[in-house]
Amino acid sequence: MTEHYFTKIPSSKIRKYKFKVFIRGVELIIVSESGVFSAKKLDKGTEVLAKYMRIKENWKILDLGCGYGVLGIVAAKLAPRGYVVLTDINKRAVKLAKINIKLNNIKNAEVRWGDLYEPVKNETFDTVVSNPPISAGLKVCYKIIEKAPRHLVEGGLLQIVARHKKGGRRLMDKMIEVFGNCEIIAREAGYCIYVSRNLHKNKLHFSSIN
């Protein structure tokens, strides 16, 4: 049976990869392995989200389903006085993200293992960024959207990427249902960046958007 990149503990034989990524003036060295999403090179969806995601200084940022860590590392570079938490259910991905944080000299980030928001259940963020696992099914992707408000400060942003004609439109509809708003801030190569703003106060509030 073929393993998916959202497998908790991949058992496939490890094949190692290494490549460079250049996004938003940031050059990263990335190490990767088989058993994680887009192991051999950066996937287009993540690249597009990294290029256009809204990140501000001093923000606390969650990279949900981080894979080997590109989004979180770029966010940490863009907000050196902010802080980034990266999470993934795949233990191999978590291991790689930790390696890549050190390899790229990131001091303002940490990686945690767990399913969706479990590793940050008592925390709120200024933004949640995610390239959701469409192949895991819309039910999983909907959970990311439905549970996001409780982990966002008032005014906080959920930012996700998807192919508009391959599930993205339905994710956008869900974001409008949950948040009451959704904006497409960028389109590239069939991908869209969808952004919803949390309009309600959160009891876990401890930071704010400038």
N, C-alpha and C. Protein backbone atom coordinates (compact mmCIF):
# COMPACT_ATOMS: atom_id res chain seq x y z
N MET A 1 0.84 -1.19 0.00
CA MET A 1 0.00 0.00 0.00
C MET A 1 0.88 1.24 0.00
N THR A 2 0.54 2.21 -0.85
CA THR A 2 1.33 3.43 -0.97
C THR A 2 1.14 4.31 0.25
N GLU A 3 2.24 4.82 0.78
CA GLU A 3 2.16 5.73 1.91
C GLU A 3 1.84 7.14 1.43
N HIS A 4 1.13 7.88 2.27
CA HIS A 4 0.86 9.28 1.99
C HIS A 4 1.78 10.15 2.83
N TYR A 5 2.00 11.37 2.40
CA TYR A 5 2.89 12.26 3.14
C TYR A 5 2.30 12.67 4.48
N PHE A 6 0.98 12.42 4.70
CA PHE A 6 0.38 12.71 6.00
C PHE A 6 0.35 11.48 6.89
N THR A 7 1.13 10.44 6.53
CA THR A 7 1.33 9.28 7.40
C THR A 7 2.11 9.73 8.64
N LYS A 8 1.69 9.27 9.82
CA LYS A 8 2.37 9.72 11.04
C LYS A 8 3.83 9.30 11.07
N ILE A 9 4.08 8.02 10.81
CA ILE A 9 5.44 7.51 10.86
C ILE A 9 5.72 6.74 9.57
N PRO A 10 6.27 7.41 8.56
CA PRO A 10 6.54 6.74 7.29
C PRO A 10 7.48 5.56 7.47
N SER A 11 7.19 4.46 6.78
CA SER A 11 8.04 3.27 6.87
C SER A 11 8.81 3.02 5.58
N SER A 12 8.59 3.88 4.60
CA SER A 12 9.27 3.71 3.31
C SER A 12 10.78 3.90 3.46
N LYS A 13 11.52 3.28 2.58
CA LYS A 13 12.97 3.41 2.58
C LYS A 13 13.35 4.86 2.39
N ILE A 14 14.31 5.33 3.17
CA ILE A 14 14.70 6.74 3.12
C ILE A 14 15.64 7.01 1.96
N ARG A 15 15.24 7.96 1.13
CA ARG A 15 16.11 8.49 0.08
C ARG A 15 16.30 9.97 0.38
N LYS A 16 17.53 10.42 0.39
CA LYS A 16 17.83 11.79 0.81
C LYS A 16 17.96 12.72 -0.39
N TYR A 17 17.50 13.96 -0.21
CA TYR A 17 17.58 14.97 -1.26
C TYR A 17 18.05 16.30 -0.66
N LYS A 18 18.61 17.14 -1.50
CA LYS A 18 19.06 18.46 -1.06
C LYS A 18 18.93 19.42 -2.23
N PHE A 19 18.35 20.59 -1.98
CA PHE A 19 18.18 21.57 -3.05
C PHE A 19 18.10 22.97 -2.46
N LYS A 20 18.21 23.96 -3.33
CA LYS A 20 18.12 25.36 -2.91
C LYS A 20 16.78 25.95 -3.33
N VAL A 21 16.30 26.87 -2.52
CA VAL A 21 15.06 27.59 -2.80
C VAL A 21 15.35 29.07 -2.68
N PHE A 22 14.89 29.85 -3.65
CA PHE A 22 15.07 31.31 -3.58
C PHE A 22 13.70 31.98 -3.71
N ILE A 23 13.24 32.57 -2.61
CA ILE A 23 11.92 33.20 -2.56
C ILE A 23 12.00 34.50 -1.77
N ARG A 24 11.43 35.56 -2.31
CA ARG A 24 11.33 36.86 -1.63
C ARG A 24 12.67 37.35 -1.11
N GLY A 25 13.68 37.17 -1.93
CA GLY A 25 15.01 37.63 -1.57
C GLY A 25 15.72 36.76 -0.57
N VAL A 26 15.12 35.62 -0.27
CA VAL A 26 15.69 34.70 0.71
C VAL A 26 16.16 33.42 0.00
N GLU A 27 17.42 33.05 0.19
CA GLU A 27 17.92 31.79 -0.36
C GLU A 27 18.01 30.77 0.77
N LEU A 28 17.39 29.64 0.56
CA LEU A 28 17.37 28.58 1.57
C LEU A 28 18.02 27.32 1.03
N ILE A 29 18.70 26.61 1.91
CA ILE A 29 19.19 25.27 1.60
C ILE A 29 18.24 24.30 2.29
N ILE A 30 17.66 23.40 1.52
CA ILE A 30 16.65 22.49 2.05
C ILE A 30 17.13 21.04 1.91
N VAL A 31 17.05 20.31 3.01
CA VAL A 31 17.29 18.87 2.95
C VAL A 31 15.95 18.19 3.09
N SER A 32 15.78 17.10 2.35
CA SER A 32 14.51 16.41 2.33
C SER A 32 14.74 14.91 2.23
N GLU A 33 13.67 14.16 2.41
CA GLU A 33 13.73 12.70 2.31
C GLU A 33 12.43 12.18 1.71
N SER A 34 12.49 10.99 1.17
CA SER A 34 11.28 10.33 0.72
C SER A 34 10.33 10.17 1.90
N GLY A 35 9.04 10.06 1.61
CA GLY A 35 8.06 9.91 2.68
C GLY A 35 7.45 11.21 3.14
N VAL A 36 7.90 12.34 2.55
CA VAL A 36 7.30 13.64 2.86
C VAL A 36 6.79 14.25 1.56
N PHE A 37 5.96 15.27 1.69
CA PHE A 37 5.34 15.90 0.53
C PHE A 37 6.38 16.59 -0.34
N SER A 38 6.31 16.33 -1.64
CA SER A 38 7.18 16.96 -2.64
C SER A 38 8.65 16.87 -2.23
N ALA A 39 9.09 15.66 -2.02
CA ALA A 39 10.41 15.41 -1.43
C ALA A 39 11.58 15.91 -2.29
N LYS A 40 11.46 15.83 -3.61
CA LYS A 40 12.61 16.11 -4.47
C LYS A 40 12.79 17.59 -4.80
N LYS A 41 11.72 18.35 -4.75
CA LYS A 41 11.81 19.78 -5.04
C LYS A 41 10.60 20.48 -4.46
N LEU A 42 10.70 21.78 -4.27
CA LEU A 42 9.60 22.55 -3.71
C LEU A 42 8.40 22.53 -4.65
N ASP A 43 7.23 22.20 -4.11
CA ASP A 43 6.02 22.16 -4.92
C ASP A 43 5.54 23.58 -5.24
N LYS A 44 4.81 23.71 -6.33
CA LYS A 44 4.39 25.02 -6.81
C LYS A 44 3.45 25.71 -5.84
N GLY A 45 2.54 24.98 -5.21
CA GLY A 45 1.61 25.59 -4.27
C GLY A 45 2.31 26.28 -3.11
N THR A 46 3.26 25.57 -2.51
CA THR A 46 4.02 26.15 -1.41
C THR A 46 4.83 27.35 -1.87
N GLU A 47 5.40 27.24 -3.06
CA GLU A 47 6.17 28.36 -3.63
C GLU A 47 5.30 29.61 -3.78
N VAL A 48 4.08 29.42 -4.32
CA VAL A 48 3.19 30.55 -4.53
C VAL A 48 2.77 31.17 -3.20
N LEU A 49 2.43 30.35 -2.22
CA LEU A 49 2.04 30.88 -0.91
C LEU A 49 3.21 31.62 -0.26
N ALA A 50 4.41 31.07 -0.36
CA ALA A 50 5.59 31.73 0.21
C ALA A 50 5.83 33.09 -0.44
N LYS A 51 5.54 33.18 -1.73
CA LYS A 51 5.77 34.43 -2.46
C LYS A 51 4.80 35.53 -2.07
N TYR A 52 3.55 35.16 -1.75
CA TYR A 52 2.50 36.17 -1.59
C TYR A 52 1.91 36.26 -0.19
N MET A 53 2.26 35.36 0.71
CA MET A 53 1.64 35.40 2.04
C MET A 53 1.97 36.71 2.75
N ARG A 54 1.02 37.18 3.53
CA ARG A 54 1.18 38.43 4.27
C ARG A 54 1.80 38.13 5.64
N ILE A 55 2.96 38.69 5.84
CA ILE A 55 3.70 38.50 7.09
C ILE A 55 4.17 39.86 7.59
N LYS A 56 3.93 40.15 8.86
CA LYS A 56 4.39 41.42 9.44
C LYS A 56 5.34 41.15 10.61
N GLU A 57 6.21 42.14 10.84
CA GLU A 57 7.14 42.06 11.96
C GLU A 57 6.37 41.93 13.27
N ASN A 58 6.95 41.18 14.20
CA ASN A 58 6.40 40.95 15.55
C ASN A 58 5.21 40.00 15.58
N TRP A 59 4.82 39.48 14.44
CA TRP A 59 3.71 38.53 14.43
C TRP A 59 4.12 37.18 15.01
N LYS A 60 3.16 36.50 15.61
CA LYS A 60 3.32 35.10 15.94
C LYS A 60 2.61 34.32 14.84
N ILE A 61 3.32 33.38 14.24
CA ILE A 61 2.88 32.73 13.01
C ILE A 61 2.83 31.22 13.20
N LEU A 62 1.79 30.60 12.66
CA LEU A 62 1.69 29.14 12.67
C LEU A 62 1.76 28.62 11.24
N ASP A 63 2.75 27.75 10.98
CA ASP A 63 2.84 27.03 9.71
C ASP A 63 2.26 25.65 9.96
N LEU A 64 1.01 25.47 9.55
CA LEU A 64 0.28 24.23 9.84
C LEU A 64 0.47 23.22 8.71
N GLY A 65 1.00 22.04 9.05
CA GLY A 65 1.34 21.05 8.04
C GLY A 65 2.59 21.48 7.30
N CYS A 66 3.63 21.70 8.06
CA CYS A 66 4.82 22.42 7.57
C CYS A 66 5.68 21.63 6.58
N GLY A 67 5.52 20.30 6.53
CA GLY A 67 6.44 19.54 5.68
C GLY A 67 7.87 19.75 6.15
N TYR A 68 8.78 19.96 5.20
CA TYR A 68 10.17 20.18 5.61
C TYR A 68 10.47 21.64 5.96
N GLY A 69 9.42 22.48 6.02
CA GLY A 69 9.56 23.76 6.71
C GLY A 69 9.71 25.03 5.90
N VAL A 70 9.52 24.99 4.60
CA VAL A 70 9.81 26.18 3.77
C VAL A 70 8.97 27.39 4.17
N LEU A 71 7.65 27.23 4.31
CA LEU A 71 6.81 28.37 4.65
C LEU A 71 7.22 29.00 5.98
N GLY A 72 7.41 28.17 6.98
CA GLY A 72 7.78 28.67 8.29
C GLY A 72 9.13 29.36 8.30
N ILE A 73 10.07 28.82 7.54
CA ILE A 73 11.40 29.41 7.49
C ILE A 73 11.36 30.76 6.77
N VAL A 74 10.63 30.83 5.66
CA VAL A 74 10.50 32.11 4.95
C VAL A 74 9.82 33.14 5.86
N ALA A 75 8.76 32.72 6.56
CA ALA A 75 8.06 33.63 7.48
C ALA A 75 8.99 34.13 8.57
N ALA A 76 9.82 33.25 9.11
CA ALA A 76 10.76 33.64 10.17
C ALA A 76 11.79 34.63 9.64
N LYS A 77 12.19 34.47 8.39
CA LYS A 77 13.13 35.41 7.77
C LYS A 77 12.48 36.77 7.54
N LEU A 78 11.19 36.76 7.17
CA LEU A 78 10.48 38.01 6.90
C LEU A 78 10.12 38.77 8.17
N ALA A 79 10.02 38.06 9.29
CA ALA A 79 9.66 38.67 10.57
C ALA A 79 10.67 38.28 11.64
N PRO A 80 11.90 38.80 11.55
CA PRO A 80 12.95 38.38 12.48
C PRO A 80 12.66 38.67 13.95
N ARG A 81 11.74 39.60 14.22
CA ARG A 81 11.35 39.85 15.61
C ARG A 81 10.02 39.18 15.95
N GLY A 82 9.51 38.40 15.01
CA GLY A 82 8.32 37.61 15.26
C GLY A 82 8.71 36.22 15.72
N TYR A 83 7.73 35.32 15.74
CA TYR A 83 8.02 33.94 16.17
C TYR A 83 7.13 33.00 15.38
N VAL A 84 7.72 31.89 14.95
CA VAL A 84 7.01 30.93 14.11
C VAL A 84 6.97 29.56 14.77
N VAL A 85 5.79 28.96 14.79
CA VAL A 85 5.63 27.58 15.22
C VAL A 85 5.25 26.75 14.00
N LEU A 86 6.00 25.69 13.74
CA LEU A 86 5.73 24.80 12.61
C LEU A 86 5.22 23.47 13.16
N THR A 87 4.16 22.94 12.57
CA THR A 87 3.63 21.66 13.03
C THR A 87 3.38 20.73 11.85
N ASP A 88 3.49 19.44 12.12
CA ASP A 88 3.16 18.44 11.10
C ASP A 88 2.87 17.12 11.80
N ILE A 89 2.01 16.30 11.18
CA ILE A 89 1.69 14.98 11.73
C ILE A 89 2.75 13.95 11.35
N ASN A 90 3.51 14.24 10.30
CA ASN A 90 4.52 13.31 9.77
C ASN A 90 5.83 13.50 10.54
N LYS A 91 6.23 12.49 11.30
CA LYS A 91 7.43 12.63 12.13
C LYS A 91 8.70 12.83 11.31
N ARG A 92 8.72 12.27 10.11
CA ARG A 92 9.88 12.47 9.25
C ARG A 92 9.95 13.93 8.81
N ALA A 93 8.80 14.52 8.51
CA ALA A 93 8.75 15.94 8.14
C ALA A 93 9.19 16.82 9.30
N VAL A 94 8.75 16.50 10.50
CA VAL A 94 9.14 17.27 11.69
C VAL A 94 10.65 17.22 11.88
N LYS A 95 11.22 16.06 11.72
CA LYS A 95 12.68 15.92 11.84
C LYS A 95 13.39 16.79 10.81
N LEU A 96 12.92 16.76 9.57
CA LEU A 96 13.54 17.55 8.50
C LEU A 96 13.37 19.05 8.73
N ALA A 97 12.19 19.46 9.19
CA ALA A 97 11.97 20.88 9.45
C ALA A 97 12.93 21.39 10.53
N LYS A 98 13.16 20.58 11.55
CA LYS A 98 14.12 20.97 12.59
C LYS A 98 15.52 21.11 12.02
N ILE A 99 15.89 20.19 11.15
CA ILE A 99 17.21 20.25 10.51
C ILE A 99 17.32 21.51 9.65
N ASN A 100 16.27 21.80 8.89
CA ASN A 100 16.32 22.95 7.98
C ASN A 100 16.32 24.28 8.72
N ILE A 101 15.67 24.34 9.87
CA ILE A 101 15.71 25.54 10.69
C ILE A 101 17.15 25.83 11.13
N LYS A 102 17.84 24.79 11.58
CA LYS A 102 19.23 24.96 12.00
C LYS A 102 20.12 25.26 10.81
N LEU A 103 19.90 24.56 9.72
CA LEU A 103 20.73 24.72 8.52
C LEU A 103 20.66 26.14 7.97
N ASN A 104 19.49 26.77 8.12
CA ASN A 104 19.30 28.12 7.60
C ASN A 104 19.40 29.20 8.68
N ASN A 105 19.94 28.80 9.83
CA ASN A 105 20.25 29.74 10.92
C ASN A 105 19.01 30.50 11.41
N ILE A 106 17.92 29.79 11.59
CA ILE A 106 16.68 30.40 12.08
C ILE A 106 16.65 30.27 13.60
N LYS A 107 16.52 31.42 14.27
CA LYS A 107 16.52 31.43 15.74
C LYS A 107 15.13 31.66 16.33
N ASN A 108 14.21 32.14 15.51
CA ASN A 108 12.89 32.55 16.01
C ASN A 108 11.78 31.60 15.56
N ALA A 109 12.06 30.30 15.65
CA ALA A 109 11.07 29.31 15.25
C ALA A 109 11.29 28.00 15.98
N GLU A 110 10.23 27.21 16.06
CA GLU A 110 10.32 25.87 16.63
C GLU A 110 9.37 24.95 15.89
N VAL A 111 9.65 23.65 15.95
CA VAL A 111 8.85 22.66 15.25
C VAL A 111 8.22 21.72 16.28
N ARG A 112 6.94 21.40 16.09
CA ARG A 112 6.23 20.50 17.00
C ARG A 112 5.52 19.42 16.19
N TRP A 113 5.44 18.23 16.77
CA TRP A 113 4.76 17.13 16.11
C TRP A 113 3.32 17.02 16.62
N GLY A 114 2.39 16.75 15.71
CA GLY A 114 1.01 16.51 16.11
C GLY A 114 0.05 16.75 14.96
N ASP A 115 -1.20 16.35 15.16
CA ASP A 115 -2.23 16.44 14.14
C ASP A 115 -2.90 17.81 14.16
N LEU A 116 -2.85 18.50 13.05
CA LEU A 116 -3.48 19.80 12.88
C LEU A 116 -3.13 20.74 14.04
N TYR A 117 -4.15 21.20 14.81
CA TYR A 117 -3.89 22.20 15.85
C TYR A 117 -3.54 21.61 17.21
N GLU A 118 -3.46 20.28 17.30
CA GLU A 118 -3.18 19.66 18.61
C GLU A 118 -1.92 20.22 19.28
N PRO A 119 -0.83 20.45 18.57
CA PRO A 119 0.37 20.94 19.25
C PRO A 119 0.27 22.38 19.75
N VAL A 120 -0.80 23.11 19.35
CA VAL A 120 -0.94 24.52 19.74
C VAL A 120 -2.34 24.77 20.31
N LYS A 121 -2.88 23.77 21.01
CA LYS A 121 -4.29 23.82 21.40
C LYS A 121 -4.65 25.00 22.31
N ASN A 122 -3.69 25.56 23.04
CA ASN A 122 -3.98 26.68 23.93
C ASN A 122 -3.34 27.97 23.48
N GLU A 123 -3.06 28.09 22.18
CA GLU A 123 -2.35 29.26 21.68
C GLU A 123 -3.12 29.95 20.55
N THR A 124 -2.87 31.24 20.41
CA THR A 124 -3.41 32.00 19.30
C THR A 124 -2.26 32.64 18.52
N PHE A 125 -2.57 33.00 17.28
CA PHE A 125 -1.55 33.50 16.36
C PHE A 125 -2.10 34.69 15.57
N ASP A 126 -1.18 35.48 15.04
CA ASP A 126 -1.57 36.58 14.16
C ASP A 126 -1.92 36.07 12.77
N THR A 127 -1.30 34.96 12.37
CA THR A 127 -1.68 34.33 11.11
C THR A 127 -1.40 32.84 11.16
N VAL A 128 -2.23 32.10 10.46
CA VAL A 128 -2.01 30.68 10.21
C VAL A 128 -1.83 30.53 8.70
N VAL A 129 -0.70 29.94 8.29
CA VAL A 129 -0.46 29.69 6.87
C VAL A 129 -0.43 28.19 6.65
N SER A 130 -0.98 27.75 5.52
CA SER A 130 -1.04 26.32 5.27
C SER A 130 -1.23 26.01 3.79
N ASN A 131 -0.50 25.01 3.32
CA ASN A 131 -0.77 24.39 2.04
C ASN A 131 -1.52 23.10 2.39
N PRO A 132 -2.84 23.14 2.44
CA PRO A 132 -3.60 22.03 3.01
C PRO A 132 -3.49 20.75 2.19
N PRO A 133 -3.56 19.61 2.86
CA PRO A 133 -3.39 18.32 2.17
C PRO A 133 -4.64 17.89 1.42
N ILE A 134 -4.83 18.44 0.24
CA ILE A 134 -6.02 18.15 -0.55
C ILE A 134 -6.20 16.64 -0.75
N SER A 135 -5.09 15.93 -0.94
CA SER A 135 -5.18 14.48 -1.19
C SER A 135 -5.63 13.71 0.04
N ALA A 136 -5.60 14.35 1.22
CA ALA A 136 -6.12 13.71 2.43
C ALA A 136 -7.64 13.80 2.49
N GLY A 137 -8.21 14.62 1.60
CA GLY A 137 -9.66 14.76 1.55
C GLY A 137 -10.12 16.11 2.06
N LEU A 138 -11.26 16.56 1.56
CA LEU A 138 -11.77 17.87 1.95
C LEU A 138 -12.14 17.92 3.42
N LYS A 139 -12.51 16.79 4.02
CA LYS A 139 -12.88 16.78 5.44
C LYS A 139 -11.73 17.30 6.30
N VAL A 140 -10.51 16.85 6.00
CA VAL A 140 -9.33 17.30 6.75
C VAL A 140 -9.10 18.79 6.49
N CYS A 141 -9.20 19.19 5.23
CA CYS A 141 -8.98 20.60 4.88
C CYS A 141 -10.02 21.50 5.54
N TYR A 142 -11.25 21.03 5.60
CA TYR A 142 -12.31 21.81 6.25
C TYR A 142 -12.02 22.00 7.75
N LYS A 143 -11.43 20.99 8.38
CA LYS A 143 -11.08 21.10 9.80
C LYS A 143 -10.08 22.22 10.03
N ILE A 144 -9.12 22.35 9.10
CA ILE A 144 -8.13 23.43 9.21
C ILE A 144 -8.84 24.78 9.23
N ILE A 145 -9.84 24.93 8.38
CA ILE A 145 -10.57 26.19 8.28
C ILE A 145 -11.50 26.38 9.48
N GLU A 146 -12.24 25.34 9.83
CA GLU A 146 -13.24 25.45 10.90
C GLU A 146 -12.62 25.74 12.26
N LYS A 147 -11.44 25.18 12.51
CA LYS A 147 -10.81 25.36 13.82
C LYS A 147 -9.87 26.56 13.87
N ALA A 148 -9.65 27.20 12.74
CA ALA A 148 -8.71 28.32 12.70
C ALA A 148 -9.11 29.51 13.58
N PRO A 149 -10.40 29.92 13.62
CA PRO A 149 -10.74 31.12 14.40
C PRO A 149 -10.33 31.06 15.86
N ARG A 150 -10.43 29.89 16.47
CA ARG A 150 -10.07 29.79 17.88
C ARG A 150 -8.57 29.92 18.10
N HIS A 151 -7.80 29.85 17.03
CA HIS A 151 -6.34 29.98 17.14
C HIS A 151 -5.83 31.27 16.50
N LEU A 152 -6.74 32.19 16.21
CA LEU A 152 -6.37 33.47 15.63
C LEU A 152 -6.80 34.61 16.55
N VAL A 153 -5.95 35.61 16.69
CA VAL A 153 -6.33 36.80 17.43
C VAL A 153 -7.38 37.56 16.63
N GLU A 154 -8.01 38.52 17.24
CA GLU A 154 -8.96 39.36 16.50
C GLU A 154 -8.21 40.08 15.38
N GLY A 155 -8.69 39.94 14.17
CA GLY A 155 -8.00 40.52 13.02
C GLY A 155 -6.97 39.60 12.40
N GLY A 156 -6.76 38.42 13.02
CA GLY A 156 -5.77 37.47 12.52
C GLY A 156 -6.19 36.85 11.20
N LEU A 157 -5.20 36.40 10.44
CA LEU A 157 -5.43 35.91 9.09
C LEU A 157 -5.20 34.41 8.95
N LEU A 158 -6.13 33.74 8.27
CA LEU A 158 -5.90 32.38 7.77
C LEU A 158 -5.53 32.52 6.30
N GLN A 159 -4.35 31.98 5.93
CA GLN A 159 -3.86 32.09 4.56
C GLN A 159 -3.57 30.69 4.03
N ILE A 160 -4.30 30.29 2.99
CA ILE A 160 -4.09 28.96 2.43
C ILE A 160 -3.94 29.04 0.91
N VAL A 161 -3.36 28.00 0.35
CA VAL A 161 -3.17 27.93 -1.10
C VAL A 161 -3.80 26.65 -1.63
N ALA A 162 -4.36 26.74 -2.82
CA ALA A 162 -4.92 25.55 -3.46
C ALA A 162 -5.15 25.88 -4.94
N ARG A 163 -5.25 24.83 -5.74
CA ARG A 163 -5.65 25.02 -7.13
C ARG A 163 -7.13 25.33 -7.14
N HIS A 164 -7.49 26.44 -7.73
CA HIS A 164 -8.88 26.90 -7.67
C HIS A 164 -9.84 25.88 -8.26
N LYS A 165 -9.43 25.21 -9.32
CA LYS A 165 -10.31 24.26 -10.00
C LYS A 165 -10.16 22.84 -9.46
N LYS A 166 -9.30 22.66 -8.46
CA LYS A 166 -9.11 21.32 -7.87
C LYS A 166 -9.26 21.40 -6.35
N GLY A 167 -10.41 21.87 -5.93
CA GLY A 167 -10.71 21.93 -4.49
C GLY A 167 -10.66 23.32 -3.91
N GLY A 168 -9.92 24.22 -4.55
CA GLY A 168 -9.77 25.56 -4.00
C GLY A 168 -11.07 26.33 -3.88
N ARG A 169 -11.92 26.21 -4.88
CA ARG A 169 -13.19 26.93 -4.84
C ARG A 169 -14.01 26.49 -3.64
N ARG A 170 -14.01 25.19 -3.34
CA ARG A 170 -14.78 24.69 -2.19
C ARG A 170 -14.16 25.14 -0.87
N LEU A 171 -12.83 25.23 -0.84
CA LEU A 171 -12.18 25.74 0.37
C LEU A 171 -12.53 27.20 0.58
N MET A 172 -12.57 27.95 -0.50
CA MET A 172 -12.95 29.36 -0.41
C MET A 172 -14.38 29.50 0.13
N ASP A 173 -15.28 28.67 -0.37
CA ASP A 173 -16.67 28.70 0.12
C ASP A 173 -16.73 28.39 1.61
N LYS A 174 -15.93 27.44 2.06
CA LYS A 174 -15.89 27.09 3.48
C LYS A 174 -15.33 28.24 4.31
N MET A 175 -14.33 28.92 3.80
CA MET A 175 -13.75 30.06 4.51
C MET A 175 -14.77 31.18 4.66
N ILE A 176 -15.55 31.41 3.61
CA ILE A 176 -16.62 32.42 3.69
C ILE A 176 -17.67 32.00 4.71
N GLU A 177 -18.00 30.71 4.73
CA GLU A 177 -18.99 30.19 5.69
C GLU A 177 -18.51 30.37 7.13
N VAL A 178 -17.23 30.09 7.38
CA VAL A 178 -16.68 30.12 8.74
C VAL A 178 -16.34 31.54 9.19
N PHE A 179 -15.71 32.33 8.31
CA PHE A 179 -15.22 33.65 8.69
C PHE A 179 -16.14 34.79 8.26
N GLY A 180 -17.00 34.52 7.27
CA GLY A 180 -17.82 35.59 6.74
C GLY A 180 -17.11 36.43 5.70
N ASN A 181 -15.89 36.05 5.36
CA ASN A 181 -15.11 36.80 4.38
C ASN A 181 -14.00 35.94 3.82
N CYS A 182 -13.58 36.22 2.61
CA CYS A 182 -12.42 35.56 2.00
C CYS A 182 -11.99 36.38 0.79
N GLU A 183 -10.70 36.61 0.70
CA GLU A 183 -10.14 37.40 -0.39
C GLU A 183 -9.09 36.56 -1.12
N ILE A 184 -9.10 36.60 -2.42
CA ILE A 184 -8.01 36.00 -3.20
C ILE A 184 -6.96 37.08 -3.42
N ILE A 185 -5.80 36.92 -2.80
CA ILE A 185 -4.78 37.98 -2.87
C ILE A 185 -3.76 37.74 -3.98
N ALA A 186 -3.76 36.54 -4.56
CA ALA A 186 -2.81 36.26 -5.64
C ALA A 186 -3.27 35.03 -6.42
N ARG A 187 -2.93 35.01 -7.68
CA ARG A 187 -3.17 33.86 -8.55
C ARG A 187 -1.91 33.60 -9.35
N GLU A 188 -1.51 32.35 -9.43
CA GLU A 188 -0.33 32.00 -10.23
C GLU A 188 -0.36 30.51 -10.56
N ALA A 189 -0.18 30.20 -11.84
CA ALA A 189 -0.08 28.82 -12.32
C ALA A 189 -1.25 27.96 -11.88
N GLY A 190 -2.43 28.54 -11.85
CA GLY A 190 -3.63 27.79 -11.46
C GLY A 190 -3.89 27.78 -9.97
N TYR A 191 -2.95 28.29 -9.18
CA TYR A 191 -3.09 28.34 -7.72
C TYR A 191 -3.64 29.69 -7.29
N CYS A 192 -4.40 29.68 -6.21
CA CYS A 192 -4.89 30.91 -5.59
C CYS A 192 -4.48 30.95 -4.13
N ILE A 193 -4.24 32.16 -3.65
CA ILE A 193 -4.00 32.37 -2.22
C ILE A 193 -5.27 32.95 -1.64
N TYR A 194 -5.89 32.20 -0.73
CA TYR A 194 -7.14 32.61 -0.09
C TYR A 194 -6.84 33.11 1.31
N VAL A 195 -7.39 34.28 1.64
CA VAL A 195 -7.14 34.87 2.96
C VAL A 195 -8.45 35.27 3.61
N SER A 196 -8.66 34.80 4.83
CA SER A 196 -9.82 35.20 5.63
C SER A 196 -9.33 35.87 6.91
N ARG A 197 -10.08 36.86 7.36
CA ARG A 197 -9.72 37.60 8.57
C ARG A 197 -10.69 37.25 9.70
N ASN A 198 -10.13 36.95 10.87
CA ASN A 198 -10.95 36.67 12.05
C ASN A 198 -11.50 37.97 12.61
N LEU A 199 -12.80 38.12 12.60
CA LEU A 199 -13.42 39.38 13.01
C LEU A 199 -13.88 39.38 14.46
N HIS A 200 -13.60 38.30 15.18
CA HIS A 200 -14.09 38.19 16.55
C HIS A 200 -12.94 38.12 17.55
N LYS A 201 -13.20 38.60 18.73
CA LYS A 201 -12.21 38.54 19.79
C LYS A 201 -12.02 37.10 20.22
N ASN A 202 -10.80 36.78 20.64
CA ASN A 202 -10.48 35.43 21.07
C ASN A 202 -10.04 35.48 22.52
N LYS A 203 -10.59 34.58 23.33
CA LYS A 203 -10.26 34.57 24.77
C LYS A 203 -8.78 34.27 25.02
N LEU A 204 -8.12 33.64 24.03
CA LEU A 204 -6.70 33.33 24.19
C LEU A 204 -5.82 34.45 23.69
N HIS A 205 -6.45 35.62 23.37
CA HIS A 205 -5.74 36.74 22.76
C HIS A 205 -4.52 37.17 23.58
N PHE A 206 -3.36 37.29 22.90
CA PHE A 206 -2.21 37.85 23.58
C PHE A 206 -1.33 38.67 22.65
N SER A 207 -1.72 38.79 21.39
CA SER A 207 -0.97 39.64 20.48
C SER A 207 -1.93 40.31 19.53
N SER A 208 -1.47 41.27 18.78
CA SER A 208 -2.38 42.02 17.92
C SER A 208 -1.72 42.34 16.59
N ILE A 209 -2.54 42.57 15.60
CA ILE A 209 -2.06 42.96 14.29
C ILE A 209 -1.90 44.47 14.24
N ASN A 210 -0.79 44.93 13.73
CA ASN A 210 -0.56 46.36 13.61
C ASN A 210 -1.39 46.93 12.46
